[in-house]
């Protein structure tokens, strides 16, 4: 689950489309940074401008490839 770039009515959540190539628009409320929830329930804040290849690895965990050493987390103080 991730914070979409385009708002939706909270009572009508929508899926983000991902065709394996074109990334969905993410973030928007925090200068390009966005929050996402992982499969284990962890909430992560990602920084703006995470490389597309890194985001694709997060979106498709079943591809068998490991995340890079820099997974795209926002490392601002207090985060």
N, C-alpha and C. Protein backbone atom coordinates (compact mmCIF):
# COMPACT_ATOMS: atom_id res chain seq x y z
N UNK A 1 0.86 -1.15 0.00
CA UNK A 1 0.00 0.00 0.00
C UNK A 1 0.91 1.22 0.00
N UNK A 2 0.58 2.20 -0.82
CA UNK A 2 1.41 3.40 -0.93
C UNK A 2 0.55 4.64 -1.10
N UNK A 3 1.13 5.76 -0.75
CA UNK A 3 0.46 7.04 -0.88
C UNK A 3 0.50 7.46 -2.35
N UNK A 4 -0.67 7.56 -2.93
CA UNK A 4 -0.75 7.90 -4.35
C UNK A 4 -0.54 9.38 -4.59
N UNK A 5 -0.05 9.72 -5.77
CA UNK A 5 0.16 11.10 -6.13
C UNK A 5 -1.13 11.84 -6.40
N UNK A 6 -2.14 11.12 -6.86
CA UNK A 6 -3.44 11.73 -7.12
C UNK A 6 -4.39 11.30 -6.01
N UNK A 7 -5.05 12.26 -5.38
CA UNK A 7 -5.94 11.91 -4.27
C UNK A 7 -7.18 11.15 -4.75
N UNK A 8 -7.69 10.31 -3.86
CA UNK A 8 -8.95 9.60 -4.10
C UNK A 8 -9.82 9.80 -2.86
N UNK A 9 -11.10 9.61 -3.03
CA UNK A 9 -12.02 9.70 -1.90
C UNK A 9 -11.71 8.55 -0.96
N UNK A 10 -11.51 8.84 0.32
CA UNK A 10 -11.06 7.82 1.24
C UNK A 10 -12.06 6.68 1.40
N UNK A 11 -13.33 6.93 1.11
CA UNK A 11 -14.32 5.85 1.21
C UNK A 11 -14.38 5.01 -0.07
N UNK A 12 -13.62 5.42 -1.08
CA UNK A 12 -13.56 4.68 -2.34
C UNK A 12 -12.10 4.48 -2.75
N UNK A 13 -11.33 3.73 -1.96
CA UNK A 13 -9.92 3.55 -2.33
C UNK A 13 -9.78 2.88 -3.69
N UNK A 14 -8.71 3.23 -4.39
CA UNK A 14 -8.46 2.68 -5.72
C UNK A 14 -7.09 2.04 -5.75
N UNK A 15 -6.95 1.05 -6.62
CA UNK A 15 -5.64 0.43 -6.82
C UNK A 15 -4.77 1.33 -7.67
N UNK A 16 -3.46 1.31 -7.38
CA UNK A 16 -2.50 1.98 -8.25
C UNK A 16 -2.17 1.02 -9.38
N UNK A 17 -2.25 1.49 -10.59
CA UNK A 17 -1.94 0.65 -11.74
C UNK A 17 -0.43 0.51 -11.91
N UNK A 18 0.05 -0.71 -12.12
CA UNK A 18 1.47 -0.95 -12.41
C UNK A 18 1.55 -2.08 -13.41
N UNK A 19 2.06 -1.78 -14.60
CA UNK A 19 2.14 -2.76 -15.67
C UNK A 19 3.50 -3.46 -15.73
N UNK A 20 4.34 -3.22 -14.74
CA UNK A 20 5.67 -3.81 -14.72
C UNK A 20 6.74 -2.89 -15.28
N UNK A 21 6.32 -1.83 -15.92
CA UNK A 21 7.26 -0.88 -16.52
C UNK A 21 7.01 0.56 -16.06
N UNK A 22 5.79 1.05 -16.31
CA UNK A 22 5.46 2.44 -16.00
C UNK A 22 5.07 2.56 -14.53
N UNK A 23 5.83 3.37 -13.79
CA UNK A 23 5.56 3.53 -12.37
C UNK A 23 4.35 4.41 -12.14
N UNK A 24 3.54 4.08 -11.12
CA UNK A 24 2.43 4.97 -10.78
C UNK A 24 2.96 6.24 -10.13
N UNK A 25 2.18 7.30 -10.16
CA UNK A 25 2.57 8.54 -9.50
C UNK A 25 2.41 8.36 -8.00
N UNK A 26 3.48 8.61 -7.26
CA UNK A 26 3.47 8.44 -5.81
C UNK A 26 3.77 9.75 -5.12
N UNK A 27 3.30 9.89 -3.89
CA UNK A 27 3.58 11.09 -3.10
C UNK A 27 2.74 12.27 -3.52
N UNK A 28 3.19 13.43 -3.14
CA UNK A 28 2.48 14.63 -3.52
C UNK A 28 2.26 15.59 -2.37
N UNK A 29 1.98 15.07 -1.19
CA UNK A 29 1.71 15.95 -0.05
C UNK A 29 2.97 16.40 0.67
N UNK A 30 4.08 15.72 0.47
CA UNK A 30 5.30 15.99 1.23
C UNK A 30 6.49 16.23 0.31
N UNK A 31 6.36 17.13 -0.64
CA UNK A 31 7.45 17.47 -1.56
C UNK A 31 8.04 16.25 -2.26
N UNK A 32 7.18 15.38 -2.73
CA UNK A 32 7.62 14.20 -3.46
C UNK A 32 7.91 13.00 -2.59
N UNK A 33 8.01 13.20 -1.29
CA UNK A 33 8.20 12.07 -0.39
C UNK A 33 6.86 11.37 -0.21
N UNK A 34 6.90 10.09 0.12
CA UNK A 34 5.64 9.37 0.30
C UNK A 34 5.81 8.25 1.30
N UNK A 35 4.68 7.86 1.88
CA UNK A 35 4.64 6.75 2.83
C UNK A 35 4.13 5.51 2.12
N UNK A 36 4.62 4.36 2.57
CA UNK A 36 4.15 3.08 2.06
C UNK A 36 4.12 2.09 3.21
N UNK A 37 3.25 1.10 3.10
CA UNK A 37 3.15 0.03 4.07
C UNK A 37 3.63 -1.24 3.39
N UNK A 38 4.51 -1.97 4.05
CA UNK A 38 5.05 -3.21 3.48
C UNK A 38 4.19 -4.40 3.91
N UNK A 39 4.50 -5.55 3.37
CA UNK A 39 3.75 -6.76 3.66
C UNK A 39 3.77 -7.17 5.13
N UNK A 40 4.80 -6.76 5.86
CA UNK A 40 4.86 -7.12 7.29
C UNK A 40 4.23 -6.05 8.17
N UNK A 41 3.62 -5.03 7.56
CA UNK A 41 2.94 -3.99 8.31
C UNK A 41 3.80 -2.80 8.67
N UNK A 42 5.06 -2.81 8.28
CA UNK A 42 5.94 -1.67 8.55
C UNK A 42 5.55 -0.48 7.69
N UNK A 43 5.63 0.71 8.26
CA UNK A 43 5.36 1.95 7.52
C UNK A 43 6.71 2.61 7.25
N UNK A 44 6.95 2.91 5.99
CA UNK A 44 8.23 3.49 5.56
C UNK A 44 7.96 4.81 4.85
N UNK A 45 8.78 5.81 5.16
CA UNK A 45 8.72 7.06 4.40
C UNK A 45 9.86 7.04 3.40
N UNK A 46 9.50 7.17 2.13
CA UNK A 46 10.49 7.20 1.07
C UNK A 46 10.82 8.64 0.72
N UNK A 47 12.06 8.88 0.34
CA UNK A 47 12.47 10.22 -0.05
C UNK A 47 11.99 10.50 -1.48
N UNK A 48 12.05 11.76 -1.84
CA UNK A 48 11.72 12.15 -3.21
C UNK A 48 12.81 11.63 -4.15
N UNK A 49 12.44 11.37 -5.36
CA UNK A 49 13.37 10.96 -6.41
C UNK A 49 14.08 9.63 -6.15
N UNK A 50 13.36 8.67 -5.60
CA UNK A 50 13.91 7.31 -5.49
C UNK A 50 14.06 6.79 -6.92
N UNK A 51 15.20 6.18 -7.26
CA UNK A 51 15.37 5.69 -8.63
C UNK A 51 14.24 4.73 -9.04
N UNK A 52 13.74 4.87 -10.26
CA UNK A 52 12.66 3.99 -10.71
C UNK A 52 12.97 2.51 -10.55
N UNK A 53 14.20 2.10 -10.80
CA UNK A 53 14.53 0.69 -10.67
C UNK A 53 14.34 0.21 -9.24
N UNK A 54 14.61 1.07 -8.25
CA UNK A 54 14.41 0.71 -6.85
C UNK A 54 12.93 0.58 -6.53
N UNK A 55 12.12 1.51 -7.00
CA UNK A 55 10.68 1.43 -6.76
C UNK A 55 10.08 0.19 -7.40
N UNK A 56 10.54 -0.18 -8.58
CA UNK A 56 10.03 -1.39 -9.23
C UNK A 56 10.35 -2.63 -8.40
N UNK A 57 11.51 -2.65 -7.75
CA UNK A 57 11.85 -3.78 -6.88
C UNK A 57 10.93 -3.84 -5.66
N UNK A 58 10.56 -2.70 -5.12
CA UNK A 58 9.63 -2.67 -3.99
C UNK A 58 8.23 -3.12 -4.42
N UNK A 59 7.80 -2.71 -5.59
CA UNK A 59 6.44 -3.01 -6.05
C UNK A 59 6.30 -4.48 -6.42
N UNK A 60 7.32 -5.08 -7.00
CA UNK A 60 7.24 -6.47 -7.45
C UNK A 60 8.24 -7.33 -6.69
N UNK A 61 7.91 -7.71 -5.45
CA UNK A 61 8.87 -8.47 -4.64
C UNK A 61 9.08 -9.90 -5.12
N UNK A 62 8.24 -10.38 -6.01
CA UNK A 62 8.33 -11.76 -6.47
C UNK A 62 9.26 -11.92 -7.67
N UNK A 63 10.04 -10.88 -7.99
CA UNK A 63 10.93 -10.98 -9.14
C UNK A 63 12.24 -11.68 -8.80
N UNK A 64 12.48 -11.95 -7.51
CA UNK A 64 13.68 -12.68 -7.10
C UNK A 64 14.93 -11.84 -6.97
N UNK A 65 14.83 -10.54 -7.20
CA UNK A 65 16.00 -9.67 -7.11
C UNK A 65 16.02 -8.97 -5.76
N UNK A 66 17.19 -8.84 -5.15
CA UNK A 66 17.28 -8.16 -3.85
C UNK A 66 17.19 -6.64 -4.01
N UNK A 67 16.80 -5.97 -2.92
CA UNK A 67 16.81 -4.51 -2.92
C UNK A 67 18.25 -4.01 -2.93
N UNK A 68 18.50 -2.83 -3.49
CA UNK A 68 19.86 -2.28 -3.49
C UNK A 68 20.26 -1.85 -2.07
N UNK A 69 21.54 -1.53 -1.90
CA UNK A 69 22.03 -1.07 -0.60
C UNK A 69 21.31 0.20 -0.16
N UNK A 70 20.92 1.04 -1.09
CA UNK A 70 20.14 2.23 -0.80
C UNK A 70 18.70 1.95 -1.20
N UNK A 71 17.83 1.58 -0.24
CA UNK A 71 16.45 1.21 -0.59
C UNK A 71 15.51 2.39 -0.81
N UNK A 72 16.00 3.64 -0.65
CA UNK A 72 15.18 4.80 -0.93
C UNK A 72 14.50 5.42 0.27
N UNK A 73 14.86 5.00 1.48
CA UNK A 73 14.22 5.53 2.68
C UNK A 73 14.58 7.00 2.89
N UNK A 74 13.65 7.75 3.47
CA UNK A 74 13.90 9.14 3.85
C UNK A 74 14.65 9.13 5.17
N UNK A 75 15.83 9.72 5.19
CA UNK A 75 16.66 9.68 6.39
C UNK A 75 16.72 11.02 7.11
N UNK A 76 15.63 11.81 6.97
CA UNK A 76 15.57 13.07 7.71
C UNK A 76 15.58 12.78 9.20
N UNK A 77 16.14 13.67 9.99
CA UNK A 77 16.12 13.48 11.44
C UNK A 77 14.69 13.30 11.94
N UNK A 78 14.52 12.34 12.83
CA UNK A 78 13.21 12.09 13.41
C UNK A 78 12.34 11.20 12.57
N UNK A 79 12.83 10.64 11.50
CA UNK A 79 12.04 9.75 10.62
C UNK A 79 12.52 8.34 10.74
